[in-house]
Amino acid sequence: MSRPRVVCEVLSMRRSGFLVLALLGWAAPAAADPMPTAYNLHYQAISLGFAIMQMDVSVRIFPSTYDIAVSYHTTGLARFLYPGQESEQVSGVWEGDRAAPRQYLASGEWRGRPRRADIVYRSGQPEILELLPPDTNEREPVPRALQRGTEDTLSALVQLLGHVERNGSCNTTARIFDGRRLSEIDASTMGLESVGRGPRAVFGGTALRCDFVGRMLAGFVLNRPHTTPGRAHYGSAWFAPLQPGGPALPVRISFGTDWFGNVTMVLTAATPREPTLAQASSSRGTGLPQ
């Protein structure tokens, strides 16, 4: 899929899953926390002093289920050079501390080309219902056995950095299959650092830094030399509560891109949502966010 993905191309503009992973990793609930968690988050990406992308995130975490919706689009000069927009959403359930997706949908358009994916998960096995454009004769197929037990990016991000909320660390690994590529991402805790308040940023102060490295494992482009795993790509995210007692939100994300060099994403707005008990109850199905 050409949406944000933690893959070999994860740091290109249309593979921004690396930053999405950083955005939501804080959200995994502590096992003893019975209260729902819900936020609307807004981020702006900046490169060389120019805004190049905006991203909106809506997340709801309940004791037994979760759902997430993400939408993003290029802006300014980036919109002229690389026009595109995409939305993604997933619903899933908690199996212990593991986020288990049930259905994942993505749709968008990049450089005038429509993109769409519809994946359902049955007993840990992803089943591709739709993939546009089709992957025929473009990439090496990912063996079905390697697909088993993988997650979509949005589910992995909830689980992968849930350590930030539960343990104050982010040392963990996840495998992601996006319908085309199989990837692995490792996260490491780097300690506390001071983060300055930039333009429009809602936070300035001490934050926990987590570094990420992503590598592609399967699904390489046909007839193109490669090694397994693919070359590593790197990024960092900084987590901090915006108010005493609040969750540690990702307040800044830094990563490299093929198009715009180093990019920094800053949190420009964070609005708590107040899910009702009725919402919590309705989330127990497998439907996507409303």
C-alpha atoms as a PDB file:
ATOM      1  CA  MET A   1       0.000   0.000   0.000  1.00  0.00           C
ATOM      2  CA  SER A   2       1.189   3.446  -0.765  1.00  0.00           C
ATOM      3  CA  ARG A   3      -0.004   4.876   2.507  1.00  0.00           C
ATOM      4  CA  PRO A   4       2.168   5.454   5.531  1.00  0.00           C
ATOM      5  CA  ARG A   5       3.851   2.165   6.180  1.00  0.00           C
ATOM      6  CA  VAL A   6       6.827   1.018   8.182  1.00  0.00           C
ATOM      7  CA  VAL A   7       8.649  -0.542   5.263  1.00  0.00           C
ATOM      8  CA  CYS A   8      11.837  -0.105   3.291  1.00  0.00           C
ATOM      9  CA  GLU A   9      10.339   3.057   1.784  1.00  0.00           C
ATOM     10  CA  VAL A  10       8.927   4.079   5.167  1.00  0.00           C
ATOM     11  CA  LEU A  11      10.653   7.430   5.144  1.00  0.00           C
ATOM     12  CA  SER A  12       9.428   8.592   1.743  1.00  0.00           C
ATOM     13  CA  MET A  13       6.518  11.038   1.797  1.00  0.00           C
ATOM     14  CA  ARG A  14       3.924   8.446   0.855  1.00  0.00           C
ATOM     15  CA  ARG A  15       5.338   5.877   3.254  1.00  0.00           C
ATOM     16  CA  SER A  16       4.828   7.975   6.365  1.00  0.00           C
ATOM     17  CA  GLY A  17       3.627   5.081   8.547  1.00  0.00           C
ATOM     18  CA  PHE A  18       6.852   5.488  10.449  1.00  0.00           C
ATOM     19  CA  LEU A  19       5.561   8.772  11.850  1.00  0.00           C
ATOM     20  CA  VAL A  20       2.056   7.395  12.318  1.00  0.00           C
ATOM     21  CA  LEU A  21       3.576   4.621  14.370  1.00  0.00           C
ATOM     22  CA  ALA A  22       5.185   7.232  16.575  1.00  0.00           C
ATOM     23  CA  LEU A  23       1.947   9.213  16.830  1.00  0.00           C
ATOM     24  CA  LEU A  24      -0.175   6.567  18.495  1.00  0.00           C
ATOM     25  CA  GLY A  25       2.194   4.307  20.356  1.00  0.00           C
ATOM     26  CA  TRP A  26       1.343   6.023  23.625  1.00  0.00           C
ATOM     27  CA  ALA A  27      -2.273   4.950  23.474  1.00  0.00           C
ATOM     28  CA  ALA A  28      -2.213   1.290  24.543  1.00  0.00           C
ATOM     29  CA  PRO A  29      -4.160   1.051  27.795  1.00  0.00           C
ATOM     30  CA  ALA A  30      -2.789  -0.294  31.034  1.00  0.00           C
ATOM     31  CA  ALA A  31      -4.372  -3.641  31.841  1.00  0.00           C
ATOM     32  CA  ALA A  32      -5.763  -2.297  35.121  1.00  0.00           C
ATOM     33  CA  ASP A  33      -7.268   0.850  33.590  1.00  0.00           C
ATOM     34  CA  PRO A  34     -11.035   0.361  33.034  1.00  0.00           C
ATOM     35  CA  MET A  35     -11.690   3.825  31.640  1.00  0.00           C
ATOM     36  CA  PRO A  36     -11.972   4.540  27.906  1.00  0.00           C
ATOM     37  CA  THR A  37      -9.411   6.860  26.339  1.00  0.00           C
ATOM     38  CA  ALA A  38     -10.172   9.082  23.358  1.00  0.00           C
ATOM     39  CA  TYR A  39      -8.298  11.968  21.682  1.00  0.00           C
ATOM     40  CA  ASN A  40      -8.309  14.069  18.541  1.00  0.00           C
ATOM     41  CA  LEU A  41      -4.748  15.037  17.543  1.00  0.00           C
ATOM     42  CA  HIS A  42      -3.465  17.387  14.852  1.00  0.00           C
ATOM     43  CA  TYR A  43       0.090  17.467  13.487  1.00  0.00           C
ATOM     44  CA  GLN A  44       1.984  19.637  11.029  1.00  0.00           C
ATOM     45  CA  ALA A  45       5.081  18.458   9.148  1.00  0.00           C
ATOM     46  CA  ILE A  46       7.849  20.988   8.492  1.00  0.00           C
ATOM     47  CA  SER A  47      10.931  20.732   6.266  1.00  0.00           C
ATOM     48  CA  LEU A  48      13.441  23.544   5.679  1.00  0.00           C
ATOM     49  CA  GLY A  49      11.046  25.924   7.409  1.00  0.00           C
ATOM     50  CA  PHE A  50       8.085  25.089   5.150  1.00  0.00           C
ATOM     51  CA  ALA A  51       4.895  23.205   6.050  1.00  0.00           C
ATOM     52  CA  ILE A  52       4.645  20.164   3.773  1.00  0.00           C
ATOM     53  CA  MET A  53       1.943  17.961   5.320  1.00  0.00           C
ATOM     54  CA  GLN A  54      -0.927  17.961   7.805  1.00  0.00           C
ATOM     55  CA  MET A  55      -2.255  14.963   9.690  1.00  0.00           C
ATOM     56  CA  ASP A  56      -5.363  14.442  11.828  1.00  0.00           C
ATOM     57  CA  VAL A  57      -5.727  11.476  14.163  1.00  0.00           C
ATOM     58  CA  SER A  58      -8.836  10.272  15.985  1.00  0.00           C
ATOM     59  CA  VAL A  59      -8.284   7.438  18.458  1.00  0.00           C
ATOM     60  CA  ARG A  60     -10.558   5.603  20.883  1.00  0.00           C
ATOM     61  CA  ILE A  61      -9.181   3.002  23.290  1.00  0.00           C
ATOM     62  CA  PHE A  62     -11.547   0.897  25.386  1.00  0.00           C
ATOM     63  CA  PRO A  63     -10.730  -1.933  27.823  1.00  0.00           C
ATOM     64  CA  SER A  64     -11.485  -4.631  25.229  1.00  0.00           C
ATOM     65  CA  THR A  65     -11.505  -2.814  21.865  1.00  0.00           C
ATOM     66  CA  TYR A  66      -9.934   0.060  19.966  1.00  0.00           C
ATOM     67  CA  ASP A  67     -10.497   2.055  16.793  1.00  0.00           C
ATOM     68  CA  ILE A  68      -8.346   4.616  15.037  1.00  0.00           C
ATOM     69  CA  ALA A  69      -8.824   6.923  12.059  1.00  0.00           C
ATOM     70  CA  VAL A  70      -5.992   8.880  10.404  1.00  0.00           C
ATOM     71  CA  SER A  71      -6.152  11.345   7.509  1.00  0.00           C
ATOM     72  CA  TYR A  72      -3.319  13.346   5.963  1.00  0.00           C
ATOM     73  CA  HIS A  73      -2.479  15.395   2.887  1.00  0.00           C
ATOM     74  CA  THR A  74       0.452  17.315   1.465  1.00  0.00           C
ATOM     75  CA  THR A  75       0.439  21.109   1.662  1.00  0.00           C
ATOM     76  CA  GLY A  76       2.290  24.076   0.152  1.00  0.00           C
ATOM     77  CA  LEU A  77       5.212  23.261  -2.125  1.00  0.00           C
ATOM     78  CA  ALA A  78       4.901  19.566  -1.299  1.00  0.00           C
ATOM     79  CA  ARG A  79       1.335  19.592  -2.615  1.00  0.00           C
ATOM     80  CA  PHE A  80       2.639  20.998  -5.913  1.00  0.00           C
ATOM     81  CA  LEU A  81       5.506  18.498  -6.204  1.00  0.00           C
ATOM     82  CA  TYR A  82       3.775  15.481  -4.717  1.00  0.00           C
ATOM     83  CA  PRO A  83      -0.012  16.004  -4.568  1.00  0.00           C
ATOM     84  CA  GLY A  84      -1.825  13.445  -2.483  1.00  0.00           C
ATOM     85  CA  GLN A  85      -4.181  12.650   0.334  1.00  0.00           C
ATOM     86  CA  GLU A  86      -5.116   9.497   2.181  1.00  0.00           C
ATOM     87  CA  SER A  87      -7.263   8.215   5.027  1.00  0.00           C
ATOM     88  CA  GLU A  88      -6.913   5.021   7.036  1.00  0.00           C
ATOM     89  CA  GLN A  89      -8.974   3.372   9.738  1.00  0.00           C
ATOM     90  CA  VAL A  90      -8.878   0.175  11.735  1.00  0.00           C
ATOM     91  CA  SER A  91     -10.913  -1.537  14.429  1.00  0.00           C
ATOM     92  CA  GLY A  92      -9.652  -4.301  16.652  1.00  0.00           C
ATOM     93  CA  VAL A  93      -9.725  -6.022  20.028  1.00  0.00           C
ATOM     94  CA  TRP A  94      -7.249  -6.513  22.849  1.00  0.00           C
ATOM     95  CA  GLU A  95      -5.796  -9.961  23.397  1.00  0.00           C
ATOM     96  CA  GLY A  96      -3.941  -9.337  26.624  1.00  0.00           C
ATOM     97  CA  ASP A  97      -1.470  -6.534  25.811  1.00  0.00           C
ATOM     98  CA  ARG A  98      -1.620  -7.305  22.088  1.00  0.00           C
ATOM     99  CA  ALA A  99      -3.665  -5.205  19.689  1.00  0.00           C
ATOM    100  CA  ALA A 100      -5.408  -7.639  17.334  1.00  0.00           C
ATOM    101  CA  PRO A 101      -6.930  -5.937  14.248  1.00  0.00           C
ATOM    102  CA  ARG A 102     -10.253  -7.087  12.821  1.00  0.00           C
ATOM    103  CA  GLN A 103     -10.624  -4.857   9.766  1.00  0.00           C
ATOM    104  CA  TYR A 104      -8.395  -2.263   8.129  1.00  0.00           C
ATOM    105  CA  LEU A 105      -9.408   0.155   5.349  1.00  0.00           C
ATOM    106  CA  ALA A 106      -7.360   2.725   3.459  1.00  0.00           C
ATOM    107  CA  SER A 107      -8.187   4.947   0.506  1.00  0.00           C
ATOM    108  CA  GLY A 108      -6.559   7.930  -1.143  1.00  0.00           C
ATOM    109  CA  GLU A 109      -4.981   9.381  -4.230  1.00  0.00           C
ATOM    110  CA  TRP A 110      -1.336  10.154  -4.972  1.00  0.00           C
ATOM    111  CA  ARG A 111      -0.306  12.010  -8.122  1.00  0.00           C
ATOM    112  CA  GLY A 112      -3.744  11.351  -9.548  1.00  0.00           C
ATOM    113  CA  ARG A 113      -3.566   7.595  -8.953  1.00  0.00           C
ATOM    114  CA  PRO A 114      -6.267   6.120  -6.670  1.00  0.00           C
ATOM    115  CA  ARG A 115      -5.129   3.817  -3.884  1.00  0.00           C
ATOM    116  CA  ARG A 116      -7.320   1.516  -1.810  1.00  0.00           C
ATOM    117  CA  ALA A 117      -6.892  -1.436   0.528  1.00  0.00           C
ATOM    118  CA  ASP A 118      -9.370  -3.559   2.467  1.00  0.00           C
ATOM    119  CA  ILE A 119      -7.923  -6.220   4.796  1.00  0.00           C
ATOM    120  CA  VAL A 120      -9.738  -8.383   7.321  1.00  0.00           C
ATOM    121  CA  TYR A 121      -8.084 -10.584   9.944  1.00  0.00           C
ATOM    122  CA  ARG A 122      -9.305 -14.096  10.736  1.00  0.00           C
ATOM    123  CA  SER A 123      -7.596 -15.924  13.603  1.00  0.00           C
ATOM    124  CA  GLY A 124      -4.402 -13.921  13.119  1.00  0.00           C
ATOM    125  CA  GLN A 125      -4.304 -14.355   9.328  1.00  0.00           C
ATOM    126  CA  PRO A 126      -4.723 -11.225   7.148  1.00  0.00           C
ATOM    127  CA  GLU A 127      -7.050 -11.687   4.164  1.00  0.00           C
ATOM    128  CA  ILE A 128      -6.848  -9.106   1.379  1.00  0.00           C
ATOM    129  CA  LEU A 129     -10.331  -8.258   0.093  1.00  0.00           C
ATOM    130  CA  GLU A 130      -9.209  -5.399  -2.150  1.00  0.00           C
ATOM    131  CA  LEU A 131      -5.878  -3.899  -3.211  1.00  0.00           C
ATOM    132  CA  LEU A 132      -5.794  -1.028  -5.704  1.00  0.00           C
ATOM    133  CA  PRO A 133      -3.765  -0.829  -7.819  1.00  0.00           C
ATOM    134  CA  PRO A 134      -3.214  -4.596  -7.891  1.00  0.00           C
ATOM    135  CA  ASP A 135       0.263  -5.866  -7.095  1.00  0.00           C
ATOM    136  CA  THR A 136       0.405  -8.226 -10.067  1.00  0.00           C
ATOM    137  CA  ASN A 137       3.896  -8.620 -11.546  1.00  0.00           C
ATOM    138  CA  GLU A 138       5.218  -5.684  -9.489  1.00  0.00           C
ATOM    139  CA  ARG A 139       6.612  -7.219  -6.309  1.00  0.00           C
ATOM    140  CA  GLU A 140       7.791 -10.537  -4.998  1.00  0.00           C
ATOM    141  CA  PRO A 141       4.850 -12.196  -3.237  1.00  0.00           C
ATOM    142  CA  VAL A 142       4.990 -12.346   0.559  1.00  0.00           C
ATOM    143  CA  PRO A 143       4.498 -16.013   1.553  1.00  0.00           C
ATOM    144  CA  ARG A 144       1.244 -16.581   3.416  1.00  0.00           C
ATOM    145  CA  ALA A 145       3.096 -18.213   6.300  1.00  0.00           C
ATOM    146  CA  LEU A 146       5.096 -14.994   6.850  1.00  0.00           C
ATOM    147  CA  GLN A 147       1.917 -12.924   6.852  1.00  0.00           C
ATOM    148  CA  ARG A 148       0.434 -14.790   9.800  1.00  0.00           C
ATOM    149  CA  GLY A 149       0.528 -12.932  13.107  1.00  0.00           C
ATOM    150  CA  THR A 150       1.358  -9.586  11.484  1.00  0.00           C
ATOM    151  CA  GLU A 151      -0.527  -6.349  12.052  1.00  0.00           C
ATOM    152  CA  ASP A 152      -1.508  -3.271  10.146  1.00  0.00           C
ATOM    153  CA  THR A 153       0.459  -0.116  10.951  1.00  0.00           C
ATOM    154  CA  LEU A 154      -2.275   1.538  13.006  1.00  0.00           C
ATOM    155  CA  SER A 155      -2.697  -1.504  15.251  1.00  0.00           C
ATOM    156  CA  ALA A 156       1.045  -1.983  15.582  1.00  0.00           C
ATOM    157  CA  LEU A 157       1.531   1.609  16.625  1.00  0.00           C
ATOM    158  CA  VAL A 158      -0.970   1.219  19.461  1.00  0.00           C
ATOM    159  CA  GLN A 159       0.769  -1.878  20.717  1.00  0.00           C
ATOM    160  CA  LEU A 160       4.392  -1.146  19.820  1.00  0.00           C
ATOM    161  CA  LEU A 161       4.818   1.963  21.918  1.00  0.00           C
ATOM    162  CA  GLY A 162       2.218   1.144  24.531  1.00  0.00           C
ATOM    163  CA  HIS A 163       5.265   0.623  26.723  1.00  0.00           C
ATOM    164  CA  VAL A 164       5.476   4.393  26.989  1.00  0.00           C
ATOM    165  CA  GLU A 165       2.161   4.485  28.845  1.00  0.00           C
ATOM    166  CA  ARG A 166       2.553   1.254  30.785  1.00  0.00           C
ATOM    167  CA  ASN A 167       6.286   1.112  31.485  1.00  0.00           C
ATOM    168  CA  GLY A 168       7.746   4.516  30.627  1.00  0.00           C
ATOM    169  CA  SER A 169       9.821   2.894  27.866  1.00  0.00           C
ATOM    170  CA  CYS A 170       9.460   1.837  24.228  1.00  0.00           C
ATOM    171  CA  ASN A 171      11.813  -1.120  23.811  1.00  0.00           C
ATOM    172  CA  THR A 172       9.861  -3.470  21.572  1.00  0.00           C
ATOM    173  CA  THR A 173       9.504  -4.925  18.060  1.00  0.00           C
ATOM    174  CA  ALA A 174       6.584  -5.392  15.658  1.00  0.00           C
ATOM    175  CA  ARG A 175       6.032  -7.016  12.256  1.00  0.00           C
ATOM    176  CA  ILE A 176       3.770  -5.255   9.770  1.00  0.00           C
ATOM    177  CA  PHE A 177       2.150  -6.484   6.558  1.00  0.00           C
ATOM    178  CA  ASP A 178       0.412  -3.869   4.408  1.00  0.00           C
ATOM    179  CA  GLY A 179      -0.856  -6.150   1.644  1.00  0.00           C
ATOM    180  CA  ARG A 180       2.310  -5.722  -0.420  1.00  0.00           C
ATOM    181  CA  ARG A 181       5.316  -5.654   1.889  1.00  0.00           C
ATOM    182  CA  LEU A 182       6.426  -7.296   5.123  1.00  0.00           C
ATOM    183  CA  SER A 183       8.441  -5.086   7.458  1.00  0.00           C
ATOM    184  CA  GLU A 184       9.887  -5.075  10.931  1.00  0.00           C
ATOM    185  CA  ILE A 185      10.344  -2.081  13.194  1.00  0.00           C
ATOM    186  CA  ASP A 186      12.372  -1.866  16.402  1.00  0.00           C
ATOM    187  CA  ALA A 187      11.942   0.861  18.999  1.00  0.00           C
ATOM    188  CA  SER A 188      14.501   1.845  21.668  1.00  0.00           C
ATOM    189  CA  THR A 189      14.314   4.144  24.674  1.00  0.00           C
ATOM    190  CA  MET A 190      16.879   6.957  24.550  1.00  0.00           C
ATOM    191  CA  GLY A 191      15.997   8.815  27.775  1.00  0.00           C
ATOM    192  CA  LEU A 192      14.710  12.274  28.655  1.00  0.00           C
ATOM    193  CA  GLU A 193      15.523  15.322  26.510  1.00  0.00           C
ATOM    194  CA  SER A 194      14.545  18.973  26.402  1.00  0.00           C
ATOM    195  CA  VAL A 195      12.202  19.890  23.532  1.00  0.00           C
ATOM    196  CA  GLY A 196      11.877  23.518  22.483  1.00  0.00           C
ATOM    197  CA  ARG A 197       8.508  25.008  21.649  1.00  0.00           C
ATOM    198  CA  GLY A 198       8.476  25.695  17.898  1.00  0.00           C
ATOM    199  CA  PRO A 199       5.953  27.693  15.856  1.00  0.00           C
ATOM    200  CA  ARG A 200       2.380  26.489  16.521  1.00  0.00           C
ATOM    201  CA  ALA A 201       3.640  23.694  18.791  1.00  0.00           C
ATOM    202  CA  VAL A 202       1.564  23.093  21.921  1.00  0.00           C
ATOM    203  CA  PHE A 203       4.472  21.728  23.974  1.00  0.00           C
ATOM    204  CA  GLY A 204       7.898  22.783  25.152  1.00  0.00           C
ATOM    205  CA  GLY A 205       9.835  21.061  27.953  1.00  0.00           C
ATOM    206  CA  THR A 206      11.215  17.666  28.980  1.00  0.00           C
ATOM    207  CA  ALA A 207      10.087  14.648  26.946  1.00  0.00           C
ATOM    208  CA  LEU A 208      10.952  10.952  26.620  1.00  0.00           C
ATOM    209  CA  ARG A 209      12.815  10.220  23.379  1.00  0.00           C
ATOM    210  CA  CYS A 210      12.252   6.964  21.499  1.00  0.00           C
ATOM    211  CA  ASP A 211      14.260   6.006  18.399  1.00  0.00           C
ATOM    212  CA  PHE A 212      12.960   3.722  15.626  1.00  0.00           C
ATOM    213  CA  VAL A 213      14.527   1.645  12.894  1.00  0.00           C
ATOM    214  CA  GLY A 214      12.473  -0.010  10.146  1.00  0.00           C
ATOM    215  CA  ARG A 215      13.588  -2.714   7.703  1.00  0.00           C
ATOM    216  CA  MET A 216      11.758  -4.391   4.846  1.00  0.00           C
ATOM    217  CA  LEU A 217      11.778  -8.206   5.017  1.00  0.00           C
ATOM    218  CA  ALA A 218       9.739  -9.345   1.998  1.00  0.00           C
ATOM    219  CA  GLY A 219       7.713  -7.999  -0.906  1.00  0.00           C
ATOM    220  CA  PHE A 220      10.622  -6.380  -2.749  1.00  0.00           C
ATOM    221  CA  VAL A 221      10.196  -4.940  -6.247  1.00  0.00           C
ATOM    222  CA  LEU A 222      10.832  -7.583  -8.886  1.00  0.00           C
ATOM    223  CA  ASN A 223      14.144  -7.559 -10.767  1.00  0.00           C
ATOM    224  CA  ARG A 224      15.686  -4.979  -8.434  1.00  0.00           C
ATOM    225  CA  PRO A 225      18.816  -5.917  -6.442  1.00  0.00           C
ATOM    226  CA  HIS A 226      18.227  -6.072  -2.698  1.00  0.00           C
ATOM    227  CA  THR A 227      19.341  -7.697   0.496  1.00  0.00           C
ATOM    228  CA  THR A 228      17.212  -9.219   3.258  1.00  0.00           C
ATOM    229  CA  PRO A 229      16.534  -7.415   5.456  1.00  0.00           C
ATOM    230  CA  GLY A 230      16.444  -4.219   3.400  1.00  0.00           C
ATOM    231  CA  ARG A 231      18.437  -1.143   4.312  1.00  0.00           C
ATOM    232  CA  ALA A 232      17.504   0.480   7.590  1.00  0.00           C
ATOM    233  CA  HIS A 233      15.547   3.720   7.934  1.00  0.00           C
ATOM    234  CA  TYR A 234      15.499   5.756  11.106  1.00  0.00           C
ATOM    235  CA  GLY A 235      13.308   8.145  13.043  1.00  0.00           C
ATOM    236  CA  SER A 236      12.653   9.520  16.528  1.00  0.00           C
ATOM    237  CA  ALA A 237       9.649  10.566  18.598  1.00  0.00           C
ATOM    238  CA  TRP A 238       9.356  12.552  21.830  1.00  0.00           C
ATOM    239  CA  PHE A 239       6.565  11.825  24.345  1.00  0.00           C
ATOM    240  CA  ALA A 240       5.284  14.049  27.149  1.00  0.00           C
ATOM    241  CA  PRO A 241       2.008  14.784  28.977  1.00  0.00           C
ATOM    242  CA  LEU A 242       0.455  18.140  28.148  1.00  0.00           C
ATOM    243  CA  GLN A 243      -0.930  18.456  31.668  1.00  0.00           C
ATOM    244  CA  PRO A 244      -0.216  16.799  35.028  1.00  0.00           C
ATOM    245  CA  GLY A 245      -1.693  13.312  35.153  1.00  0.00           C
ATOM    246  CA  GLY A 246      -2.413  13.236  31.432  1.00  0.00           C
ATOM    247  CA  PRO A 247      -1.236  10.590  28.943  1.00  0.00           C
ATOM    248  CA  ALA A 248       2.216  10.908  27.386  1.00  0.00           C
ATOM    249  CA  LEU A 249       1.392  12.167  23.895  1.00  0.00           C
ATOM    250  CA  PRO A 250       3.876  12.243  21.011  1.00  0.00           C
ATOM    251  CA  VAL A 251       4.709  15.938  20.877  1.00  0.00           C
ATOM    252  CA  ARG A 252       7.358  15.770  18.150  1.00  0.00           C
ATOM    253  CA  ILE A 253       8.479  13.279  15.478  1.00  0.00           C
ATOM    254  CA  SER A 254      11.587  13.507  13.302  1.00  0.00           C
ATOM    255  CA  PHE A 255      12.352  11.335  10.262  1.00  0.00           C
ATOM    256  CA  GLY A 256      14.042  11.418   6.866  1.00  0.00           C
ATOM    257  CA  THR A 257      12.307  11.407   3.480  1.00  0.00           C
ATOM    258  CA  ASP A 258      13.399  10.693  -0.059  1.00  0.00           C
ATOM    259  CA  TRP A 259      11.748  13.883  -1.321  1.00  0.00           C
ATOM    260  CA  PHE A 260      12.216  16.569   1.341  1.00  0.00           C
ATOM    261  CA  GLY A 261      15.171  15.493   3.453  1.00  0.00           C
ATOM    262  CA  ASN A 262      14.713  15.677   7.219  1.00  0.00           C
ATOM    263  CA  VAL A 263      11.136  16.330   8.338  1.00  0.00           C
ATOM    264  CA  THR A 264       9.855  17.324  11.781  1.00  0.00           C
ATOM    265  CA  MET A 265       6.237  16.765  12.793  1.00  0.00           C
ATOM    266  CA  VAL A 266       4.921  18.820  15.700  1.00  0.00           C
ATOM    267  CA  LEU A 267       1.746  18.434  17.699  1.00  0.00           C
ATOM    268  CA  THR A 268      -0.308  21.592  17.126  1.00  0.00           C
ATOM    269  CA  ALA A 269      -3.563  20.574  18.838  1.00  0.00           C
ATOM    270  CA  ALA A 270      -4.749  17.818  21.186  1.00  0.00           C
ATOM    271  CA  THR A 271      -8.396  17.644  22.206  1.00  0.00           C
ATOM    272  CA  PRO A 272      -9.638  15.028  24.682  1.00  0.00           C
ATOM    273  CA  ARG A 273     -12.801  13.228  23.691  1.00  0.00           C
ATOM    274  CA  GLU A 274     -15.303  12.006  26.260  1.00  0.00           C
ATOM    275  CA  PRO A 275     -16.579   8.598  25.130  1.00  0.00           C
ATOM    276  CA  THR A 276     -19.792   7.512  26.817  1.00  0.00           C
ATOM    277  CA  LEU A 277     -20.495   4.069  28.185  1.00  0.00           C
ATOM    278  CA  ALA A 278     -22.766   3.549  25.179  1.00  0.00           C
ATOM    279  CA  GLN A 279     -19.827   4.275  22.875  1.00  0.00           C
ATOM    280  CA  ALA A 280     -17.661   1.850  24.797  1.00  0.00           C
ATOM    281  CA  SER A 281     -20.305  -0.808  24.485  1.00  0.00           C
ATOM    282  CA  SER A 282     -20.844  -0.227  20.777  1.00  0.00           C
ATOM    283  CA  SER A 283     -17.089  -0.461  20.149  1.00  0.00           C
ATOM    284  CA  ARG A 284     -17.113  -4.126  21.086  1.00  0.00           C
ATOM    285  CA  GLY A 285     -18.162  -5.072  17.567  1.00  0.00           C
ATOM    286  CA  THR A 286     -15.849  -5.152  14.594  1.00  0.00           C
ATOM    287  CA  GLY A 287     -17.168  -2.046  12.891  1.00  0.00           C
ATOM    288  CA  LEU A 288     -14.845   0.796  11.963  1.00  0.00           C
ATOM    289  CA  PRO A 289     -14.823   4.243  13.637  1.00  0.00           C
ATOM    290  CA  GLN A 290     -18.007   6.244  13.179  1.00  0.00           C
END
